[in-house]
Amino acid sequence: MTSVKKLNGLDWAALILSIVGAVNWGLVGAFNFNLVDVIFGSWPVIVRIVYVFVGASGILVLVNVGKGGETKEL
């Protein structure tokens, strides 16, 4: 028997934002290229909001991984 955590909309959004954040940090580390700044650079408030959402998403993903959450039998 395999059990898989059922993701709701917030979980999916958090997962996607966490992946975007990880890719952005990879680009910054490897090529000194900040994709978020390139896309939203002319709106510094939006850049800050994106970073806050990415950080909050990372925390949510970490909490979900830690607690296991609701599972559905396959």
N, C-alpha and C. Protein backbone atom coordinates (compact mmCIF):
# COMPACT_ATOMS: atom_id res chain seq x y z
N MET A 1 0.83 -1.18 0.00
CA MET A 1 0.00 0.00 0.00
C MET A 1 0.87 1.25 0.00
N THR A 2 0.53 2.19 -0.83
CA THR A 2 1.25 3.45 -0.90
C THR A 2 0.32 4.58 -0.49
N SER A 3 0.81 5.47 0.35
CA SER A 3 -0.01 6.62 0.71
C SER A 3 0.68 7.89 0.21
N VAL A 4 -0.13 8.81 -0.28
CA VAL A 4 0.36 10.05 -0.86
C VAL A 4 -0.41 11.20 -0.23
N LYS A 5 0.30 12.26 0.10
CA LYS A 5 -0.36 13.43 0.66
C LYS A 5 -1.15 14.13 -0.43
N LYS A 6 -2.41 14.41 -0.14
CA LYS A 6 -3.25 15.12 -1.08
C LYS A 6 -2.99 16.62 -0.92
N LEU A 7 -2.57 17.28 -1.99
CA LEU A 7 -2.24 18.70 -1.94
C LEU A 7 -3.47 19.54 -2.28
N ASN A 8 -3.70 20.57 -1.47
CA ASN A 8 -4.76 21.52 -1.80
C ASN A 8 -4.15 22.69 -2.59
N GLY A 9 -4.95 23.66 -2.93
CA GLY A 9 -4.48 24.78 -3.74
C GLY A 9 -3.34 25.56 -3.10
N LEU A 10 -3.44 25.79 -1.79
CA LEU A 10 -2.40 26.53 -1.08
C LEU A 10 -1.09 25.75 -1.08
N ASP A 11 -1.18 24.44 -0.89
CA ASP A 11 0.02 23.60 -0.92
C ASP A 11 0.69 23.64 -2.29
N TRP A 12 -0.11 23.56 -3.35
CA TRP A 12 0.45 23.63 -4.71
C TRP A 12 1.13 24.98 -4.96
N ALA A 13 0.46 26.07 -4.56
CA ALA A 13 1.03 27.41 -4.75
C ALA A 13 2.35 27.53 -3.98
N ALA A 14 2.37 27.02 -2.75
CA ALA A 14 3.59 27.08 -1.94
C ALA A 14 4.71 26.27 -2.58
N LEU A 15 4.37 25.10 -3.10
CA LEU A 15 5.37 24.26 -3.74
C LEU A 15 5.95 24.94 -4.99
N ILE A 16 5.09 25.50 -5.81
CA ILE A 16 5.54 26.18 -7.03
C ILE A 16 6.40 27.39 -6.70
N LEU A 17 5.96 28.21 -5.74
CA LEU A 17 6.75 29.38 -5.35
C LEU A 17 8.09 28.98 -4.76
N SER A 18 8.12 27.88 -4.02
CA SER A 18 9.39 27.40 -3.46
C SER A 18 10.34 26.95 -4.56
N ILE A 19 9.81 26.30 -5.57
CA ILE A 19 10.64 25.88 -6.71
C ILE A 19 11.16 27.10 -7.46
N VAL A 20 10.29 28.09 -7.69
CA VAL A 20 10.72 29.32 -8.36
C VAL A 20 11.83 30.00 -7.55
N GLY A 21 11.66 30.05 -6.23
CA GLY A 21 12.69 30.65 -5.38
C GLY A 21 14.00 29.90 -5.45
N ALA A 22 13.92 28.56 -5.46
CA ALA A 22 15.14 27.75 -5.54
C ALA A 22 15.85 27.95 -6.87
N VAL A 23 15.09 28.00 -7.96
CA VAL A 23 15.68 28.23 -9.28
C VAL A 23 16.32 29.62 -9.32
N ASN A 24 15.64 30.61 -8.76
CA ASN A 24 16.19 31.97 -8.75
C ASN A 24 17.51 32.01 -7.97
N TRP A 25 17.56 31.37 -6.80
CA TRP A 25 18.80 31.36 -6.03
C TRP A 25 19.89 30.60 -6.76
N GLY A 26 19.52 29.54 -7.47
CA GLY A 26 20.51 28.83 -8.28
C GLY A 26 21.10 29.71 -9.36
N LEU A 27 20.24 30.49 -10.01
CA LEU A 27 20.72 31.43 -11.04
C LEU A 27 21.60 32.51 -10.44
N VAL A 28 21.24 33.00 -9.26
CA VAL A 28 22.05 34.03 -8.59
C VAL A 28 23.42 33.45 -8.23
N GLY A 29 23.42 32.25 -7.68
CA GLY A 29 24.68 31.64 -7.28
C GLY A 29 25.58 31.27 -8.45
N ALA A 30 24.99 30.75 -9.51
CA ALA A 30 25.80 30.26 -10.64
C ALA A 30 26.20 31.36 -11.61
N PHE A 31 25.29 32.30 -11.85
CA PHE A 31 25.53 33.28 -12.91
C PHE A 31 25.37 34.73 -12.47
N ASN A 32 25.13 34.97 -11.17
CA ASN A 32 24.87 36.31 -10.66
C ASN A 32 23.72 36.96 -11.44
N PHE A 33 22.68 36.17 -11.72
CA PHE A 33 21.53 36.62 -12.49
C PHE A 33 20.27 36.43 -11.65
N ASN A 34 19.65 37.54 -11.26
CA ASN A 34 18.47 37.51 -10.42
C ASN A 34 17.23 37.67 -11.31
N LEU A 35 16.54 36.57 -11.57
CA LEU A 35 15.39 36.57 -12.47
C LEU A 35 14.25 37.42 -11.93
N VAL A 36 13.99 37.36 -10.63
CA VAL A 36 12.91 38.15 -10.04
C VAL A 36 13.19 39.64 -10.23
N ASP A 37 14.43 40.03 -10.02
CA ASP A 37 14.80 41.43 -10.19
C ASP A 37 14.70 41.86 -11.65
N VAL A 38 15.02 40.96 -12.57
CA VAL A 38 14.91 41.27 -13.99
C VAL A 38 13.45 41.47 -14.38
N ILE A 39 12.57 40.61 -13.87
CA ILE A 39 11.15 40.69 -14.24
C ILE A 39 10.47 41.88 -13.57
N PHE A 40 10.72 42.07 -12.26
CA PHE A 40 9.99 43.09 -11.50
C PHE A 40 10.90 44.21 -11.00
N GLY A 41 12.09 44.36 -11.57
CA GLY A 41 13.08 45.31 -11.07
C GLY A 41 12.61 46.75 -11.00
N SER A 42 11.72 47.16 -11.90
CA SER A 42 11.27 48.54 -11.89
C SER A 42 10.22 48.79 -10.80
N TRP A 43 9.77 47.72 -10.13
CA TRP A 43 8.80 47.84 -9.03
C TRP A 43 9.38 47.19 -7.78
N PRO A 44 10.21 47.90 -7.05
CA PRO A 44 10.89 47.30 -5.89
C PRO A 44 9.92 46.77 -4.83
N VAL A 45 8.75 47.37 -4.70
CA VAL A 45 7.77 46.88 -3.73
C VAL A 45 7.29 45.49 -4.14
N ILE A 46 7.06 45.28 -5.44
CA ILE A 46 6.62 43.97 -5.93
C ILE A 46 7.72 42.93 -5.72
N VAL A 47 8.97 43.31 -5.96
CA VAL A 47 10.10 42.39 -5.74
C VAL A 47 10.10 41.94 -4.28
N ARG A 48 9.93 42.88 -3.37
CA ARG A 48 9.92 42.55 -1.94
C ARG A 48 8.75 41.62 -1.60
N ILE A 49 7.58 41.89 -2.17
CA ILE A 49 6.41 41.05 -1.93
C ILE A 49 6.66 39.63 -2.45
N VAL A 50 7.26 39.51 -3.64
CA VAL A 50 7.57 38.19 -4.19
C VAL A 50 8.49 37.44 -3.24
N TYR A 51 9.53 38.10 -2.73
CA TYR A 51 10.45 37.44 -1.81
C TYR A 51 9.76 37.02 -0.52
N VAL A 52 8.84 37.83 -0.02
CA VAL A 52 8.09 37.47 1.19
C VAL A 52 7.23 36.23 0.92
N PHE A 53 6.55 36.20 -0.23
CA PHE A 53 5.73 35.04 -0.57
C PHE A 53 6.58 33.78 -0.76
N VAL A 54 7.73 33.92 -1.38
CA VAL A 54 8.62 32.76 -1.57
C VAL A 54 9.10 32.26 -0.21
N GLY A 55 9.47 33.16 0.67
CA GLY A 55 9.91 32.75 2.02
C GLY A 55 8.81 32.07 2.80
N ALA A 56 7.60 32.65 2.77
CA ALA A 56 6.46 32.05 3.46
C ALA A 56 6.12 30.69 2.86
N SER A 57 6.25 30.56 1.56
CA SER A 57 5.98 29.29 0.89
C SER A 57 6.98 28.22 1.32
N GLY A 58 8.23 28.61 1.43
CA GLY A 58 9.25 27.67 1.89
C GLY A 58 8.95 27.16 3.28
N ILE A 59 8.50 28.05 4.17
CA ILE A 59 8.14 27.65 5.52
C ILE A 59 6.94 26.70 5.49
N LEU A 60 5.94 27.01 4.68
CA LEU A 60 4.76 26.15 4.58
C LEU A 60 5.12 24.76 4.05
N VAL A 61 5.97 24.71 3.03
CA VAL A 61 6.40 23.42 2.49
C VAL A 61 7.17 22.64 3.57
N LEU A 62 8.03 23.31 4.31
CA LEU A 62 8.79 22.66 5.37
C LEU A 62 7.85 22.10 6.45
N VAL A 63 6.85 22.88 6.84
CA VAL A 63 5.88 22.41 7.84
C VAL A 63 5.11 21.20 7.31
N ASN A 64 4.67 21.27 6.06
CA ASN A 64 3.92 20.15 5.47
C ASN A 64 4.76 18.88 5.39
N VAL A 65 6.01 19.01 5.06
CA VAL A 65 6.89 17.85 4.99
C VAL A 65 7.10 17.28 6.40
N GLY A 66 7.23 18.16 7.37
CA GLY A 66 7.46 17.73 8.75
C GLY A 66 6.29 17.01 9.37
N LYS A 67 5.08 17.45 9.10
CA LYS A 67 3.91 16.84 9.75
C LYS A 67 3.32 15.69 8.94
N GLY A 68 3.68 15.55 7.70
CA GLY A 68 3.15 14.46 6.89
C GLY A 68 1.81 14.78 6.30
N GLY A 69 0.90 15.34 7.06
CA GLY A 69 -0.39 15.77 6.56
C GLY A 69 -1.36 14.63 6.32
N GLU A 70 -2.50 15.00 5.77
CA GLU A 70 -3.57 14.05 5.45
C GLU A 70 -3.12 13.18 4.28
N THR A 71 -3.34 11.89 4.38
CA THR A 71 -2.95 11.00 3.30
C THR A 71 -4.16 10.32 2.70
N LYS A 72 -4.01 9.90 1.48
CA LYS A 72 -5.06 9.18 0.77
C LYS A 72 -4.45 7.89 0.26
N GLU A 73 -5.08 6.78 0.57
CA GLU A 73 -4.57 5.48 0.13
C GLU A 73 -4.76 5.32 -1.37
N LEU A 74 -3.73 4.81 -2.05
CA LEU A 74 -3.80 4.54 -3.49
C LEU A 74 -4.09 3.08 -3.73
